[in-house]
Protein backbone atom coordinates (compact mmCIF):
# COMPACT_ATOMS: atom_id res chain seq x y z
CA MET A 1 10.06 -58.47 18.18
CA ALA A 2 7.63 -59.06 15.35
CA ASP A 3 4.25 -57.36 15.21
CA ARG A 4 1.47 -59.64 16.17
CA PRO A 5 -1.79 -59.42 14.28
CA ASP A 6 -3.85 -59.38 17.51
CA ARG A 7 -1.93 -56.38 18.96
CA PRO A 8 -1.77 -52.97 17.38
CA SER A 9 1.68 -51.73 16.56
CA THR A 10 3.16 -49.11 18.85
CA ARG A 11 5.37 -47.70 16.09
CA ARG A 12 4.04 -44.90 13.96
CA ARG A 13 3.79 -45.54 10.31
CA SER A 14 5.42 -43.05 7.96
CA SER A 15 1.94 -42.08 6.71
CA ASP A 16 0.94 -41.14 10.29
CA VAL A 17 3.81 -38.69 10.73
CA PRO A 18 2.68 -35.14 9.95
CA ARG A 19 4.51 -33.58 7.07
CA LEU A 20 5.68 -30.00 7.19
CA ASP A 21 5.07 -29.37 3.50
CA GLN A 22 1.37 -30.21 3.67
CA PRO A 23 -1.41 -28.50 5.63
CA GLN A 24 -2.85 -30.42 8.54
CA GLU A 25 -6.25 -31.94 8.22
CA PHE A 26 -9.08 -30.60 10.29
CA ARG A 27 -9.19 -32.24 13.68
CA ARG A 28 -12.16 -32.16 15.93
CA ARG A 29 -11.37 -30.44 19.19
CA PHE A 30 -12.90 -31.11 22.54
CA VAL A 31 -12.92 -27.46 23.53
CA PRO A 32 -14.39 -25.14 20.91
CA THR A 33 -12.06 -22.31 20.04
CA PRO A 34 -13.35 -18.97 18.85
CA SER A 35 -12.44 -18.26 15.30
CA PHE A 36 -11.72 -14.80 13.97
CA SER A 37 -10.85 -14.04 10.45
CA GLN A 38 -7.44 -12.49 10.02
CA GLU A 39 -9.05 -9.32 8.71
CA THR A 40 -11.43 -8.97 11.68
CA PHE A 41 -8.70 -9.59 14.22
CA GLY A 42 -6.39 -7.17 12.42
CA ALA A 43 -9.06 -4.47 12.35
CA LEU A 44 -9.70 -4.96 16.07
CA SER A 45 -6.00 -4.74 16.88
CA GLU A 46 -5.67 -1.56 14.81
CA GLY A 47 -8.60 -0.03 16.66
CA PHE A 48 -7.03 -1.00 19.98
CA ALA A 49 -3.65 0.44 18.95
CA ARG A 50 -5.27 3.68 17.82
CA TRP A 51 -7.21 3.95 21.08
CA MET A 52 -4.05 3.40 23.15
CA GLY A 53 -2.42 6.30 21.36
CA THR A 54 -5.15 8.81 22.23
CA ALA A 55 -5.05 11.47 24.90
CA GLN A 56 -8.18 9.92 26.43
CA PHE A 57 -6.38 6.64 27.09
CA LEU A 58 -3.32 8.36 28.53
CA PHE A 59 -5.46 10.59 30.75
CA GLY A 60 -7.60 7.62 31.87
CA MET A 61 -4.54 5.50 32.63
CA THR A 62 -2.97 8.39 34.58
CA VAL A 63 -6.13 8.89 36.62
CA PHE A 64 -6.41 5.13 37.29
CA VAL A 65 -2.79 4.80 38.46
CA THR A 66 -3.02 8.00 40.55
CA ILE A 67 -6.17 6.82 42.32
CA TRP A 68 -4.63 3.35 42.83
CA LEU A 69 -1.45 4.77 44.33
CA ALA A 70 -3.28 7.32 46.47
CA TRP A 71 -5.73 4.73 47.83
CA ASN A 72 -3.05 2.21 48.65
CA THR A 73 -0.75 4.82 50.16
CA PHE A 74 -3.02 7.09 52.19
CA ALA A 75 -6.04 4.92 53.00
CA ASP A 76 -6.41 2.99 56.22
CA PRO A 77 -4.20 -0.15 56.04
CA SER A 78 -7.25 -2.35 56.65
CA VAL A 79 -8.83 -1.25 53.32
CA GLN A 80 -5.65 -1.23 51.23
CA PHE A 81 -5.65 -4.08 48.71
CA ASP A 82 -2.16 -3.44 47.28
CA PRO A 83 -0.14 -1.86 50.08
CA ARG A 84 2.95 0.24 49.56
CA GLU A 85 4.98 -2.15 51.68
CA THR A 86 4.66 -4.79 48.94
CA ASN A 87 5.75 -2.24 46.32
CA PHE A 88 2.32 -2.21 44.65
CA THR A 89 2.70 -5.73 43.33
CA LEU A 90 -0.85 -5.99 42.01
CA LEU A 91 -0.55 -2.71 40.10
CA THR A 92 2.73 -3.89 38.60
CA LEU A 93 1.13 -7.15 37.51
CA ILE A 94 -1.86 -5.33 35.98
CA LEU A 95 0.37 -2.92 34.05
CA SER A 96 2.62 -5.77 32.91
CA LEU A 97 -0.42 -7.72 31.70
CA GLN A 98 -1.71 -4.68 29.85
CA ALA A 99 1.72 -4.14 28.23
CA SER A 100 2.07 -7.81 27.31
CA TYR A 101 -1.20 -7.65 25.37
CA ALA A 102 -0.65 -4.17 23.98
CA ALA A 103 2.78 -4.78 22.45
CA PRO A 104 1.83 -7.62 20.07
CA LEU A 105 -1.40 -5.88 19.08
CA ILE A 106 0.48 -2.68 18.28
CA LEU A 107 3.05 -4.67 16.28
CA LEU A 108 0.25 -6.37 14.36
CA ALA A 109 -1.30 -2.99 13.58
CA GLN A 110 2.09 -1.68 12.42
CA ASN A 111 2.57 -4.73 10.18
CA ARG A 112 -0.84 -4.22 8.61
CA GLN A 113 -0.04 -0.54 8.02
CA ALA A 114 3.29 -1.50 6.47
CA ASP A 115 1.46 -3.94 4.15
CA ARG A 116 -0.98 -1.20 3.13
CA ASP A 117 1.92 1.19 2.54
CA ARG A 118 3.71 -1.42 0.43
CA VAL A 119 0.61 -1.98 -1.72
CA ALA A 120 0.11 1.78 -2.12
CA LEU A 121 3.78 2.16 -3.08
CA GLU A 122 3.49 -0.60 -5.69
CA GLN A 123 0.37 1.03 -7.13
CA ASP A 124 2.10 4.43 -7.20
CA ARG A 125 5.12 2.90 -8.90
CA ALA A 126 2.94 1.21 -11.53
CA ARG A 127 1.02 4.46 -12.14
CA ASP A 128 4.29 6.39 -12.44
CA GLU A 129 5.63 3.85 -14.93
CA ARG A 130 2.45 4.20 -17.02
CA ASN A 131 2.71 8.00 -16.87
CA LEU A 132 6.35 7.84 -17.91
CA ALA A 133 5.52 5.52 -20.81
CA ASP A 134 2.68 7.83 -21.90
CA THR A 135 4.95 10.86 -21.68
CA GLU A 136 7.67 9.14 -23.70
CA PHE A 137 5.11 8.09 -26.32
CA LEU A 138 3.75 11.63 -26.58
CA THR A 139 7.30 13.01 -26.81
CA ARG A 140 8.06 10.66 -29.71
CA GLU A 141 4.81 11.64 -31.42
CA VAL A 142 5.51 15.36 -31.07
CA ALA A 143 9.03 14.82 -32.40
CA ALA A 144 7.62 12.87 -35.35
CA LEU A 145 5.12 15.64 -36.05
CA ARG A 146 7.90 18.25 -35.96
CA ILE A 147 9.96 16.22 -38.40
CA ALA A 148 6.94 15.75 -40.66
CA LEU A 149 6.13 19.47 -40.55
CA ARG A 150 9.70 20.35 -41.40
CA ASP A 151 9.44 18.28 -44.59
CA MET A 152 5.94 19.52 -45.42
CA ALA A 153 5.62 22.30 -47.96
CA THR A 154 4.17 25.49 -46.55
CA ARG A 155 1.87 27.86 -48.38
CA ASP A 156 4.62 30.47 -48.85
CA PHE A 157 7.02 27.86 -50.19
CA LEU A 158 4.41 26.65 -52.72
CA ARG A 159 3.67 30.23 -53.85
CA SER A 160 7.33 31.00 -54.37
CA GLU A 161 7.82 27.80 -56.37
CA LEU A 162 4.74 28.52 -58.50
CA ARG A 163 5.99 32.06 -59.16
CA GLN A 164 9.37 30.73 -60.24
CA LEU A 165 7.69 28.23 -62.57
CA ARG A 166 5.44 30.93 -64.03
CA ASP A 167 8.39 33.26 -64.56
CA GLU A 168 10.31 30.50 -66.32
CA MET A 169 7.31 29.75 -68.51
CA GLU A 170 6.89 33.41 -69.39
CA GLU A 171 10.54 33.61 -70.33
CA ARG A 172 10.08 30.72 -72.67
CA GLY A 173 6.88 32.19 -73.99
CA MET A 174 4.61 29.43 -72.89
CA THR A 175 2.01 31.57 -71.14
CA SER A 176 -0.08 34.34 -72.60
CA ALA A 177 -0.64 36.90 -69.84
CA ARG A 178 -0.47 37.40 -66.12
CA PRO A 179 -3.61 37.62 -64.04
CA ALA A 180 -4.36 41.10 -62.69
CA SER A 181 -4.09 40.26 -58.97
CA ASP A 182 -0.70 38.64 -59.04
CA ASP A 183 1.31 41.05 -56.92
CA ASP A 184 0.35 39.76 -53.51
CA GLY A 185 -0.46 36.27 -54.61
CA ARG A 186 -4.07 36.38 -53.51
CA ARG A 187 -7.20 35.97 -55.61
């Protein structure tokens, strides 16, 4: 069946199909959704995960569950809201809900900590590589200085050479007389 100009086509054009390799364009939504930055949400989840690991949380949760169980076990059946006969269904649902929210938030906090650890490790590795390069450079420089000092004439070597030259010149008769303070080589 051919498309009629007076009726819109029911087939989607290839340009209407969303592509997976391109980000979606902003669409206006009928219900406004709260927007959190990734950093804010991550910081909140880390705070929540830290709080859940404290003794205060564990003590508070223990007190809450103990009071819940005691009320629904020993109170008059007319005031029990989650009776023992139903195996504390409401308490189970509440704890399951709490766990279902806690687990992903704790995982998110762990992922963020792993990212921070990875960055710190990369920085440590880079700093260690720089320190190693500096140490190797200084080692080469010290070795070069030692080699240069080995080839450098020392004061004692120069004195002995000058004495030998003077003695040879005296033997040949080229010098007139020795200075008076020649024994120790100092003037």
